[in-house]
């Protein structure tokens, strides 16, 4: 099992902001998963990868694919208290789910 977090590279987030947005996405998608999936993912080591996303349109397209596959996912929008405008889409988490299913959606992306 695995979770992929796709973070935007086009908005100039600092390292701390990036880390926070990735954490928000990971937790939100985990909460979207059913109890059986949560247990299985936790029991298998909670594998995660962080990937590069080119922009908001790409994140929404990937989220649509995840929805069609029935995979837990979460889009993160920033509150706008620091570096970004309120509502800026920053990251997407796909999974936790079976690794091959997550890879069908995010497998073409580069590691962050």
PDB file of N, CA and C in Angstrom:
ATOM      1  N   UNK A   1       0.849  -1.174   0.000  1.00  0.00           N
ATOM      2  CA  UNK A   1       0.000   0.000   0.000  1.00  0.00           C
ATOM      3  C   UNK A   1       0.889   1.228   0.000  1.00  0.00           C
ATOM      4  N   UNK A   2       0.284   2.332  -0.447  1.00  0.00           N
ATOM      5  CA  UNK A   2       1.073   3.554  -0.538  1.00  0.00           C
ATOM      6  C   UNK A   2       0.153   4.759  -0.621  1.00  0.00           C
ATOM      7  N   UNK A   3       0.746   5.904  -0.316  1.00  0.00           N
ATOM      8  CA  UNK A   3       0.092   7.191  -0.498  1.00  0.00           C
ATOM      9  C   UNK A   3       1.051   8.073  -1.279  1.00  0.00           C
ATOM     10  N   UNK A   4       0.532   8.787  -2.270  1.00  0.00           N
ATOM     11  CA  UNK A   4       1.334   9.726  -3.041  1.00  0.00           C
ATOM     12  C   UNK A   4       0.818  11.130  -2.771  1.00  0.00           C
ATOM     13  N   UNK A   5       1.729  12.034  -2.448  1.00  0.00           N
ATOM     14  CA  UNK A   5       1.369  13.424  -2.241  1.00  0.00           C
ATOM     15  C   UNK A   5       2.004  14.225  -3.363  1.00  0.00           C
ATOM     16  N   UNK A   6       1.179  14.959  -4.092  1.00  0.00           N
ATOM     17  CA  UNK A   6       1.630  15.762  -5.225  1.00  0.00           C
ATOM     18  C   UNK A   6       1.602  17.223  -4.783  1.00  0.00           C
ATOM     19  N   UNK A   7       2.780  17.853  -4.786  1.00  0.00           N
ATOM     20  CA  UNK A   7       2.894  19.252  -4.368  1.00  0.00           C
ATOM     21  C   UNK A   7       3.229  20.114  -5.579  1.00  0.00           C
ATOM     22  N   UNK A   8       2.610  21.268  -5.644  1.00  0.00           N
ATOM     23  CA  UNK A   8       2.840  22.177  -6.768  1.00  0.00           C
ATOM     24  C   UNK A   8       4.251  22.753  -6.738  1.00  0.00           C
ATOM     25  N   UNK A   9       4.848  22.835  -7.907  1.00  0.00           N
ATOM     26  CA  UNK A   9       6.187  23.411  -8.041  1.00  0.00           C
ATOM     27  C   UNK A   9       6.143  24.826  -8.617  1.00  0.00           C
ATOM     28  N   UNK A  10       4.970  25.278  -9.000  1.00  0.00           N
ATOM     29  CA  UNK A  10       4.859  26.549  -9.721  1.00  0.00           C
ATOM     30  C   UNK A  10       4.495  27.742  -8.842  1.00  0.00           C
ATOM     31  N   UNK A  11       4.390  27.553  -7.533  1.00  0.00           N
ATOM     32  CA  UNK A  11       3.934  28.666  -6.683  1.00  0.00           C
ATOM     33  C   UNK A  11       4.984  29.127  -5.680  1.00  0.00           C
ATOM     34  N   UNK A  12       6.159  28.550  -5.718  1.00  0.00           N
ATOM     35  CA  UNK A  12       7.265  29.044  -4.910  1.00  0.00           C
ATOM     36  C   UNK A  12       7.097  28.892  -3.409  1.00  0.00           C
ATOM     37  N   UNK A  13       6.577  27.762  -2.954  1.00  0.00           N
ATOM     38  CA  UNK A  13       6.465  27.540  -1.514  1.00  0.00           C
ATOM     39  C   UNK A  13       7.853  27.337  -0.921  1.00  0.00           C
ATOM     40  N   UNK A  14       8.074  27.910   0.247  1.00  0.00           N
ATOM     41  CA  UNK A  14       9.297  27.639   0.981  1.00  0.00           C
ATOM     42  C   UNK A  14       9.265  26.222   1.526  1.00  0.00           C
ATOM     43  N   UNK A  15      10.401  25.758   2.033  1.00  0.00           N
ATOM     44  CA  UNK A  15      10.488  24.377   2.512  1.00  0.00           C
ATOM     45  C   UNK A  15       9.527  24.092   3.662  1.00  0.00           C
ATOM     46  N   UNK A  16       9.400  25.017   4.590  1.00  0.00           N
ATOM     47  CA  UNK A  16       8.486  24.810   5.711  1.00  0.00           C
ATOM     48  C   UNK A  16       7.035  24.777   5.268  1.00  0.00           C
ATOM     49  N   UNK A  17       6.670  25.684   4.372  1.00  0.00           N
ATOM     50  CA  UNK A  17       5.307  25.710   3.823  1.00  0.00           C
ATOM     51  C   UNK A  17       5.024  24.416   3.079  1.00  0.00           C
ATOM     52  N   UNK A  18       5.973  23.968   2.270  1.00  0.00           N
ATOM     53  CA  UNK A  18       5.815  22.723   1.533  1.00  0.00           C
ATOM     54  C   UNK A  18       5.588  21.558   2.490  1.00  0.00           C
ATOM     55  N   UNK A  19       6.396  21.469   3.532  1.00  0.00           N
ATOM     56  CA  UNK A  19       6.257  20.380   4.497  1.00  0.00           C
ATOM     57  C   UNK A  19       4.881  20.399   5.154  1.00  0.00           C
ATOM     58  N   UNK A  20       4.414  21.573   5.516  1.00  0.00           N
ATOM     59  CA  UNK A  20       3.102  21.691   6.158  1.00  0.00           C
ATOM     60  C   UNK A  20       1.977  21.280   5.206  1.00  0.00           C
ATOM     61  N   UNK A  21       2.063  21.688   3.949  1.00  0.00           N
ATOM     62  CA  UNK A  21       1.012  21.364   2.987  1.00  0.00           C
ATOM     63  C   UNK A  21       0.983  19.870   2.682  1.00  0.00           C
ATOM     64  N   UNK A  22       2.158  19.255   2.605  1.00  0.00           N
ATOM     65  CA  UNK A  22       2.243  17.807   2.394  1.00  0.00           C
ATOM     66  C   UNK A  22       1.609  17.077   3.580  1.00  0.00           C
ATOM     67  N   UNK A  23       1.894  17.546   4.792  1.00  0.00           N
ATOM     68  CA  UNK A  23       1.309  16.930   5.986  1.00  0.00           C
ATOM     69  C   UNK A  23      -0.210  17.079   5.996  1.00  0.00           C
ATOM     70  N   UNK A  24      -0.707  18.256   5.650  1.00  0.00           N
ATOM     71  CA  UNK A  24      -2.160  18.461   5.579  1.00  0.00           C
ATOM     72  C   UNK A  24      -2.791  17.472   4.587  1.00  0.00           C
ATOM     73  N   UNK A  25      -2.176  17.331   3.420  1.00  0.00           N
ATOM     74  CA  UNK A  25      -2.727  16.445   2.389  1.00  0.00           C
ATOM     75  C   UNK A  25      -2.723  14.999   2.853  1.00  0.00           C
ATOM     76  N   UNK A  26      -1.609  14.559   3.422  1.00  0.00           N
ATOM     77  CA  UNK A  26      -1.495  13.165   3.864  1.00  0.00           C
ATOM     78  C   UNK A  26      -2.562  12.829   4.896  1.00  0.00           C
ATOM     79  N   UNK A  27      -2.730  13.693   5.875  1.00  0.00           N
ATOM     80  CA  UNK A  27      -3.701  13.435   6.932  1.00  0.00           C
ATOM     81  C   UNK A  27      -5.134  13.488   6.397  1.00  0.00           C
ATOM     82  N   UNK A  28      -5.418  14.450   5.544  1.00  0.00           N
ATOM     83  CA  UNK A  28      -6.782  14.587   5.013  1.00  0.00           C
ATOM     84  C   UNK A  28      -7.189  13.381   4.176  1.00  0.00           C
ATOM     85  N   UNK A  29      -6.290  12.870   3.334  1.00  0.00           N
ATOM     86  CA  UNK A  29      -6.627  11.701   2.532  1.00  0.00           C
ATOM     87  C   UNK A  29      -6.748  10.456   3.410  1.00  0.00           C
ATOM     88  N   UNK A  30      -5.899  10.353   4.425  1.00  0.00           N
ATOM     89  CA  UNK A  30      -6.007   9.242   5.379  1.00  0.00           C
ATOM     90  C   UNK A  30      -7.395   9.244   6.014  1.00  0.00           C
ATOM     91  N   UNK A  31      -7.879  10.409   6.393  1.00  0.00           N
ATOM     92  CA  UNK A  31      -9.203  10.520   7.004  1.00  0.00           C
ATOM     93  C   UNK A  31     -10.313  10.171   6.020  1.00  0.00           C
ATOM     94  N   UNK A  32     -10.048  10.304   4.715  1.00  0.00           N
ATOM     95  CA  UNK A  32     -11.019   9.982   3.677  1.00  0.00           C
ATOM     96  C   UNK A  32     -11.132   8.471   3.458  1.00  0.00           C
ATOM     97  N   UNK A  33     -10.125   7.718   3.928  1.00  0.00           N
ATOM     98  CA  UNK A  33     -10.088   6.268   3.722  1.00  0.00           C
ATOM     99  C   UNK A  33     -11.003   5.553   4.712  1.00  0.00           C
ATOM    100  N   UNK A  34     -11.467   4.368   4.316  1.00  0.00           N
ATOM    101  CA  UNK A  34     -12.263   3.568   5.240  1.00  0.00           C
ATOM    102  C   UNK A  34     -11.349   2.927   6.291  1.00  0.00           C
ATOM    103  N   UNK A  35     -11.972   2.413   7.326  1.00  0.00           N
ATOM    104  CA  UNK A  35     -11.228   1.873   8.474  1.00  0.00           C
ATOM    105  C   UNK A  35     -10.313   0.712   8.073  1.00  0.00           C
ATOM    106  N   UNK A  36     -10.791  -0.162   7.203  1.00  0.00           N
ATOM    107  CA  UNK A  36      -9.992  -1.310   6.762  1.00  0.00           C
ATOM    108  C   UNK A  36      -8.733  -0.847   6.030  1.00  0.00           C
ATOM    109  N   UNK A  37      -8.882   0.143   5.154  1.00  0.00           N
ATOM    110  CA  UNK A  37      -7.742   0.678   4.413  1.00  0.00           C
ATOM    111  C   UNK A  37      -6.759   1.346   5.355  1.00  0.00           C
ATOM    112  N   UNK A  38      -7.257   2.112   6.306  1.00  0.00           N
ATOM    113  CA  UNK A  38      -6.382   2.771   7.289  1.00  0.00           C
ATOM    114  C   UNK A  38      -5.530   1.749   8.030  1.00  0.00           C
ATOM    115  N   UNK A  39      -6.188   0.689   8.517  1.00  0.00           N
ATOM    116  CA  UNK A  39      -5.464  -0.346   9.271  1.00  0.00           C
ATOM    117  C   UNK A  39      -4.413  -1.031   8.402  1.00  0.00           C
ATOM    118  N   UNK A  40      -4.782  -1.366   7.179  1.00  0.00           N
ATOM    119  CA  UNK A  40      -3.852  -2.051   6.284  1.00  0.00           C
ATOM    120  C   UNK A  40      -2.639  -1.172   5.977  1.00  0.00           C
ATOM    121  N   UNK A  41      -2.862   0.101   5.724  1.00  0.00           N
ATOM    122  CA  UNK A  41      -1.768   1.021   5.406  1.00  0.00           C
ATOM    123  C   UNK A  41      -0.859   1.222   6.610  1.00  0.00           C
ATOM    124  N   UNK A  42      -1.468   1.434   7.777  1.00  0.00           N
ATOM    125  CA  UNK A  42      -0.671   1.596   8.993  1.00  0.00           C
ATOM    126  C   UNK A  42       0.147   0.343   9.280  1.00  0.00           C
ATOM    127  N   UNK A  43      -0.443  -0.826   9.076  1.00  0.00           N
ATOM    128  CA  UNK A  43       0.240  -2.079   9.335  1.00  0.00           C
ATOM    129  C   UNK A  43       1.343  -2.394   8.348  1.00  0.00           C
ATOM    130  N   UNK A  44       1.325  -1.731   7.190  1.00  0.00           N
ATOM    131  CA  UNK A  44       2.343  -1.990   6.170  1.00  0.00           C
ATOM    132  C   UNK A  44       3.428  -0.920   6.141  1.00  0.00           C
ATOM    133  N   UNK A  45       3.461  -0.045   7.141  1.00  0.00           N
ATOM    134  CA  UNK A  45       4.542   0.937   7.238  1.00  0.00           C
ATOM    135  C   UNK A  45       4.225   2.336   6.765  1.00  0.00           C
ATOM    136  N   UNK A  46       2.996   2.596   6.328  1.00  0.00           N
ATOM    137  CA  UNK A  46       2.556   3.933   5.917  1.00  0.00           C
ATOM    138  C   UNK A  46       3.442   4.535   4.821  1.00  0.00           C
ATOM    139  N   UNK A  47       3.728   3.761   3.773  1.00  0.00           N
ATOM    140  CA  UNK A  47       4.578   4.228   2.680  1.00  0.00           C
ATOM    141  C   UNK A  47       3.987   5.475   2.037  1.00  0.00           C
ATOM    142  N   UNK A  48       4.873   6.473   1.839  1.00  0.00           N
ATOM    143  CA  UNK A  48       4.488   7.734   1.202  1.00  0.00           C
ATOM    144  C   UNK A  48       5.571   8.152   0.219  1.00  0.00           C
ATOM    145  N   UNK A  49       5.169   8.815  -0.852  1.00  0.00           N
ATOM    146  CA  UNK A  49       6.101   9.477  -1.757  1.00  0.00           C
ATOM    147  C   UNK A  49       5.575  10.884  -1.998  1.00  0.00           C
ATOM    148  N   UNK A  50       6.488  11.826  -2.175  1.00  0.00           N
ATOM    149  CA  UNK A  50       6.108  13.196  -2.499  1.00  0.00           C
ATOM    150  C   UNK A  50       6.575  13.466  -3.925  1.00  0.00           C
ATOM    151  N   UNK A  51       5.639  13.913  -4.741  1.00  0.00           N
ATOM    152  CA  UNK A  51       5.863  14.076  -6.169  1.00  0.00           C
ATOM    153  C   UNK A  51       5.654  15.522  -6.595  1.00  0.00           C
ATOM    154  N   UNK A  52       6.220  15.874  -7.746  1.00  0.00           N
ATOM    155  CA  UNK A  52       6.102  17.222  -8.291  1.00  0.00           C
ATOM    156  C   UNK A  52       4.855  17.351  -9.159  1.00  0.00           C
ATOM    157  N   UNK A  53       4.081  18.386  -8.867  1.00  0.00           N
ATOM    158  CA  UNK A  53       2.919  18.714  -9.683  1.00  0.00           C
ATOM    159  C   UNK A  53       3.144  20.058 -10.350  1.00  0.00           C
ATOM    160  N   UNK A  54       2.767  20.169 -11.609  1.00  0.00           N
ATOM    161  CA  UNK A  54       3.062  21.376 -12.379  1.00  0.00           C
ATOM    162  C   UNK A  54       2.107  22.533 -12.106  1.00  0.00           C
ATOM    163  N   UNK A  55       0.930  22.246 -11.579  1.00  0.00           N
ATOM    164  CA  UNK A  55      -0.013  23.332 -11.344  1.00  0.00           C
ATOM    165  C   UNK A  55      -1.359  22.824 -10.868  1.00  0.00           C
ATOM    166  N   UNK A  56      -2.234  23.772 -10.624  1.00  0.00           N
ATOM    167  CA  UNK A  56      -3.564  23.465 -10.094  1.00  0.00           C
ATOM    168  C   UNK A  56      -4.348  22.543 -11.018  1.00  0.00           C
ATOM    169  N   UNK A  57      -4.311  22.795 -12.316  1.00  0.00           N
ATOM    170  CA  UNK A  57      -5.068  21.966 -13.259  1.00  0.00           C
ATOM    171  C   UNK A  57      -4.638  20.506 -13.176  1.00  0.00           C
ATOM    172  N   UNK A  58      -3.334  20.264 -13.055  1.00  0.00           N
ATOM    173  CA  UNK A  58      -2.850  18.892 -12.965  1.00  0.00           C
ATOM    174  C   UNK A  58      -3.355  18.224 -11.688  1.00  0.00           C
ATOM    175  N   UNK A  59      -3.329  18.940 -10.563  1.00  0.00           N
ATOM    176  CA  UNK A  59      -3.800  18.356  -9.310  1.00  0.00           C
ATOM    177  C   UNK A  59      -5.273  17.983  -9.395  1.00  0.00           C
ATOM    178  N   UNK A  60      -6.088  18.847  -9.984  1.00  0.00           N
ATOM    179  CA  UNK A  60      -7.515  18.532 -10.106  1.00  0.00           C
ATOM    180  C   UNK A  60      -7.750  17.364 -11.059  1.00  0.00           C
ATOM    181  N   UNK A  61      -6.972  17.271 -12.136  1.00  0.00           N
ATOM    182  CA  UNK A  61      -7.115  16.143 -13.060  1.00  0.00           C
ATOM    183  C   UNK A  61      -6.755  14.829 -12.361  1.00  0.00           C
ATOM    184  N   UNK A  62      -5.701  14.838 -11.559  1.00  0.00           N
ATOM    185  CA  UNK A  62      -5.310  13.639 -10.815  1.00  0.00           C
ATOM    186  C   UNK A  62      -6.356  13.282  -9.765  1.00  0.00           C
ATOM    187  N   UNK A  63      -6.909  14.286  -9.096  1.00  0.00           N
ATOM    188  CA  UNK A  63      -7.959  14.037  -8.106  1.00  0.00           C
ATOM    189  C   UNK A  63      -9.183  13.413  -8.770  1.00  0.00           C
ATOM    190  N   UNK A  64      -9.519  13.871  -9.973  1.00  0.00           N
ATOM    191  CA  UNK A  64     -10.645  13.286 -10.711  1.00  0.00           C
ATOM    192  C   UNK A  64     -10.388  11.812 -11.023  1.00  0.00           C
ATOM    193  N   UNK A  65      -9.156  11.490 -11.426  1.00  0.00           N
ATOM    194  CA  UNK A  65      -8.811  10.090 -11.697  1.00  0.00           C
ATOM    195  C   UNK A  65      -8.949   9.251 -10.429  1.00  0.00           C
ATOM    196  N   UNK A  66      -8.462   9.785  -9.305  1.00  0.00           N
ATOM    197  CA  UNK A  66      -8.563   9.062  -8.034  1.00  0.00           C
ATOM    198  C   UNK A  66     -10.021   8.826  -7.669  1.00  0.00           C
ATOM    199  N   UNK A  67     -10.849   9.828  -7.853  1.00  0.00           N
ATOM    200  CA  UNK A  67     -12.280   9.675  -7.560  1.00  0.00           C
ATOM    201  C   UNK A  67     -12.897   8.578  -8.413  1.00  0.00           C
ATOM    202  N   UNK A  68     -12.558   8.568  -9.703  1.00  0.00           N
ATOM    203  CA  UNK A  68     -13.114   7.546 -10.599  1.00  0.00           C
ATOM    204  C   UNK A  68     -12.661   6.139 -10.190  1.00  0.00           C
ATOM    205  N   UNK A  69     -11.463   6.026  -9.607  1.00  0.00           N
ATOM    206  CA  UNK A  69     -10.939   4.732  -9.140  1.00  0.00           C
ATOM    207  C   UNK A  69     -11.452   4.381  -7.743  1.00  0.00           C
ATOM    208  N   UNK A  70     -12.126   5.334  -7.099  1.00  0.00           N
ATOM    209  CA  UNK A  70     -12.618   5.100  -5.749  1.00  0.00           C
ATOM    210  C   UNK A  70     -11.525   5.137  -4.696  1.00  0.00           C
ATOM    211  N   UNK A  71     -10.462   5.888  -4.961  1.00  0.00           N
ATOM    212  CA  UNK A  71      -9.317   5.969  -4.051  1.00  0.00           C
ATOM    213  C   UNK A  71      -9.452   7.202  -3.167  1.00  0.00           C
ATOM    214  N   UNK A  72      -9.150   7.069  -1.866  1.00  0.00           N
ATOM    215  CA  UNK A  72      -9.155   8.243  -0.999  1.00  0.00           C
ATOM    216  C   UNK A  72      -8.217   9.310  -1.558  1.00  0.00           C
ATOM    217  N   UNK A  73      -8.637  10.554  -1.476  1.00  0.00           N
ATOM    218  CA  UNK A  73      -7.791  11.644  -1.958  1.00  0.00           C
ATOM    219  C   UNK A  73      -8.219  12.934  -1.283  1.00  0.00           C
ATOM    220  N   UNK A  74      -7.328  13.911  -1.327  1.00  0.00           N
ATOM    221  CA  UNK A  74      -7.639  15.207  -0.716  1.00  0.00           C
ATOM    222  C   UNK A  74      -6.837  16.309  -1.395  1.00  0.00           C
ATOM    223  N   UNK A  75      -7.536  17.353  -1.778  1.00  0.00           N
ATOM    224  CA  UNK A  75      -6.917  18.580  -2.291  1.00  0.00           C
ATOM    225  C   UNK A  75      -6.759  19.529  -1.102  1.00  0.00           C
ATOM    226  N   UNK A  76      -5.606  20.178  -1.010  1.00  0.00           N
ATOM    227  CA  UNK A  76      -5.352  21.136   0.067  1.00  0.00           C
ATOM    228  C   UNK A  76      -5.365  22.543  -0.498  1.00  0.00           C
ATOM    229  N   UNK A  77      -6.092  23.412   0.179  1.00  0.00           N
ATOM    230  CA  UNK A  77      -6.126  24.849  -0.143  1.00  0.00           C
ATOM    231  C   UNK A  77      -5.552  25.598   1.051  1.00  0.00           C
ATOM    232  N   UNK A  78      -4.629  26.492   0.778  1.00  0.00           N
ATOM    233  CA  UNK A  78      -3.957  27.226   1.849  1.00  0.00           C
ATOM    234  C   UNK A  78      -4.886  28.268   2.464  1.00  0.00           C
ATOM    235  N   UNK A  79      -4.726  28.479   3.758  1.00  0.00           N
ATOM    236  CA  UNK A  79      -5.533  29.477   4.474  1.00  0.00           C
ATOM    237  C   UNK A  79      -5.090  30.906   4.164  1.00  0.00           C
ATOM    238  N   UNK A  80      -3.871  31.070   3.662  1.00  0.00           N
ATOM    239  CA  UNK A  80      -3.412  32.395   3.259  1.00  0.00           C
ATOM    240  C   UNK A  80      -2.845  33.240   4.375  1.00  0.00           C
ATOM    241  N   UNK A  81      -2.399  32.622   5.460  1.00  0.00           N
ATOM    242  CA  UNK A  81      -1.864  33.400   6.583  1.00  0.00           C
ATOM    243  C   UNK A  81      -0.406  33.799   6.395  1.00  0.00           C
ATOM    244  N   UNK A  82       0.315  33.153   5.490  1.00  0.00           N
ATOM    245  CA  UNK A  82       1.749  33.449   5.366  1.00  0.00           C
ATOM    246  C   UNK A  82       2.133  33.768   3.929  1.00  0.00           C
ATOM    247  N   UNK A  83       2.573  32.780   3.169  1.00  0.00           N
ATOM    248  CA  UNK A  83       3.190  33.011   1.862  1.00  0.00           C
ATOM    249  C   UNK A  83       2.232  33.114   0.686  1.00  0.00           C
ATOM    250  N   UNK A  84       1.052  32.524   0.797  1.00  0.00           N
ATOM    251  CA  UNK A  84       0.171  32.375  -0.358  1.00  0.00           C
ATOM    252  C   UNK A  84      -1.165  33.074  -0.142  1.00  0.00           C
ATOM    253  N   UNK A  85      -1.842  33.325  -1.238  1.00  0.00           N
ATOM    254  CA  UNK A  85      -3.182  33.903  -1.174  1.00  0.00           C
ATOM    255  C   UNK A  85      -4.159  32.877  -0.610  1.00  0.00           C
ATOM    256  N   UNK A  86      -5.168  33.327   0.146  1.00  0.00           N
ATOM    257  CA  UNK A  86      -6.163  32.381   0.667  1.00  0.00           C
ATOM    258  C   UNK A  86      -6.805  31.578  -0.467  1.00  0.00           C
ATOM    259  N   UNK A  87      -6.945  30.279  -0.238  1.00  0.00           N
ATOM    260  CA  UNK A  87      -7.588  29.410  -1.214  1.00  0.00           C
ATOM    261  C   UNK A  87      -6.661  28.830  -2.270  1.00  0.00           C
ATOM    262  N   UNK A  88      -5.386  29.185  -2.223  1.00  0.00           N
ATOM    263  CA  UNK A  88      -4.442  28.633  -3.204  1.00  0.00           C
ATOM    264  C   UNK A  88      -4.336  27.120  -3.039  1.00  0.00           C
ATOM    265  N   UNK A  89      -4.536  26.394  -4.116  1.00  0.00           N
ATOM    266  CA  UNK A  89      -4.382  24.940  -4.103  1.00  0.00           C
ATOM    267  C   UNK A  89      -2.891  24.638  -4.064  1.00  0.00           C
ATOM    268  N   UNK A  90      -2.470  23.862  -3.061  1.00  0.00           N
ATOM    269  CA  UNK A  90      -1.050  23.605  -2.858  1.00  0.00           C
ATOM    270  C   UNK A  90      -0.637  22.158  -3.066  1.00  0.00           C
ATOM    271  N   UNK A  91      -1.508  21.218  -2.742  1.00  0.00           N
ATOM    272  CA  UNK A  91      -1.122  19.809  -2.768  1.00  0.00           C
ATOM    273  C   UNK A  91      -2.342  18.912  -2.923  1.00  0.00           C
ATOM    274  N   UNK A  92      -2.048  17.687  -3.319  1.00  0.00           N
ATOM    275  CA  UNK A  92      -3.052  16.631  -3.448  1.00  0.00           C
ATOM    276  C   UNK A  92      -2.452  15.362  -2.882  1.00  0.00           C
ATOM    277  N   UNK A  93      -3.203  14.649  -2.079  1.00  0.00           N
ATOM    278  CA  UNK A  93      -2.800  13.304  -1.653  1.00  0.00           C
ATOM    279  C   UNK A  93      -3.703  12.292  -2.330  1.00  0.00           C
ATOM    280  N   UNK A  94      -3.102  11.217  -2.818  1.00  0.00           N
ATOM    281  CA  UNK A  94      -3.820  10.113  -3.437  1.00  0.00           C
ATOM    282  C   UNK A  94      -3.489   8.860  -2.632  1.00  0.00           C
ATOM    283  N   UNK A  95      -4.506   8.240  -2.081  1.00  0.00           N
ATOM    284  CA  UNK A  95      -4.311   7.075  -1.235  1.00  0.00           C
ATOM    285  C   UNK A  95      -4.356   7.478   0.219  1.00  0.00           C
ATOM    286  N   UNK A  96      -4.265   6.519   1.091  1.00  0.00           N
ATOM    287  CA  UNK A  96      -3.677   5.209   0.920  1.00  0.00           C
ATOM    288  C   UNK A  96      -4.558   4.256   0.114  1.00  0.00           C
ATOM    289  N   UNK A  97      -3.849   3.451  -0.704  1.00  0.00           N
ATOM    290  CA  UNK A  97      -4.491   2.422  -1.521  1.00  0.00           C
ATOM    291  C   UNK A  97      -3.406   1.457  -1.978  1.00  0.00           C
ATOM    292  N   UNK A  98      -3.825   0.421  -2.680  1.00  0.00           N
ATOM    293  CA  UNK A  98      -2.844  -0.505  -3.224  1.00  0.00           C
ATOM    294  C   UNK A  98      -1.856   0.264  -4.103  1.00  0.00           C
ATOM    295  N   UNK A  99      -0.586  -0.071  -3.965  1.00  0.00           N
ATOM    296  CA  UNK A  99       0.467   0.662  -4.658  1.00  0.00           C
ATOM    297  C   UNK A  99       0.252   0.737  -6.165  1.00  0.00           C
ATOM    298  N   UNK A 100      -0.164  -0.369  -6.778  1.00  0.00           N
ATOM    299  CA  UNK A 100      -0.335  -0.358  -8.228  1.00  0.00           C
ATOM    300  C   UNK A 100      -1.475   0.566  -8.663  1.00  0.00           C
ATOM    301  N   UNK A 101      -2.477   0.721  -7.842  1.00  0.00           N
ATOM    302  CA  UNK A 101      -3.588   1.631  -8.164  1.00  0.00           C
ATOM    303  C   UNK A 101      -3.122   3.079  -8.048  1.00  0.00           C
ATOM    304  N   UNK A 102      -2.398   3.397  -6.990  1.00  0.00           N
ATOM    305  CA  UNK A 102      -1.857   4.751  -6.827  1.00  0.00           C
ATOM    306  C   UNK A 102      -0.924   5.075  -7.996  1.00  0.00           C
ATOM    307  N   UNK A 103      -0.087   4.110  -8.384  1.00  0.00           N
ATOM    308  CA  UNK A 103       0.853   4.331  -9.492  1.00  0.00           C
ATOM    309  C   UNK A 103       0.152   4.547 -10.822  1.00  0.00           C
ATOM    310  N   UNK A 104      -1.033   3.958 -11.015  1.00  0.00           N
ATOM    311  CA  UNK A 104      -1.789   4.217 -12.250  1.00  0.00           C
ATOM    312  C   UNK A 104      -2.155   5.687 -12.366  1.00  0.00           C
ATOM    313  N   UNK A 105      -2.323   6.342 -11.246  1.00  0.00           N
ATOM    314  CA  UNK A 105      -2.724   7.745 -11.235  1.00  0.00           C
ATOM    315  C   UNK A 105      -1.532   8.684 -11.229  1.00  0.00           C
ATOM    316  N   UNK A 106      -0.517   8.370 -10.428  1.00  0.00           N
ATOM    317  CA  UNK A 106       0.592   9.313 -10.209  1.00  0.00           C
ATOM    318  C   UNK A 106       1.942   8.826 -10.724  1.00  0.00           C
ATOM    319  N   UNK A 107       1.989   7.654 -11.335  1.00  0.00           N
ATOM    320  CA  UNK A 107       3.245   7.025 -11.705  1.00  0.00           C
ATOM    321  C   UNK A 107       4.092   7.771 -12.716  1.00  0.00           C
ATOM    322  N   UNK A 108       3.513   8.706 -13.457  1.00  0.00           N
ATOM    323  CA  UNK A 108       4.270   9.458 -14.453  1.00  0.00           C
ATOM    324  C   UNK A 108       4.978  10.681 -13.865  1.00  0.00           C
ATOM    325  N   UNK A 109       4.710  10.992 -12.604  1.00  0.00           N
ATOM    326  CA  UNK A 109       5.277  12.196 -11.985  1.00  0.00           C
ATOM    327  C   UNK A 109       6.663  11.925 -11.411  1.00  0.00           C
ATOM    328  N   UNK A 110       7.463  12.985 -11.298  1.00  0.00           N
ATOM    329  CA  UNK A 110       8.813  12.902 -10.736  1.00  0.00           C
ATOM    330  C   UNK A 110       8.786  13.085  -9.240  1.00  0.00           C
ATOM    331  N   UNK A 111       9.752  12.451  -8.572  1.00  0.00           N
ATOM    332  CA  UNK A 111       9.897  12.662  -7.132  1.00  0.00           C
ATOM    333  C   UNK A 111      10.269  14.106  -6.834  1.00  0.00           C
ATOM    334  N   UNK A 112       9.769  14.608  -5.728  1.00  0.00           N
ATOM    335  CA  UNK A 112      10.079  15.983  -5.316  1.00  0.00           C
ATOM    336  C   UNK A 112      11.488  16.026  -4.788  1.00  0.00           C
TER     337      UNK A 112
END
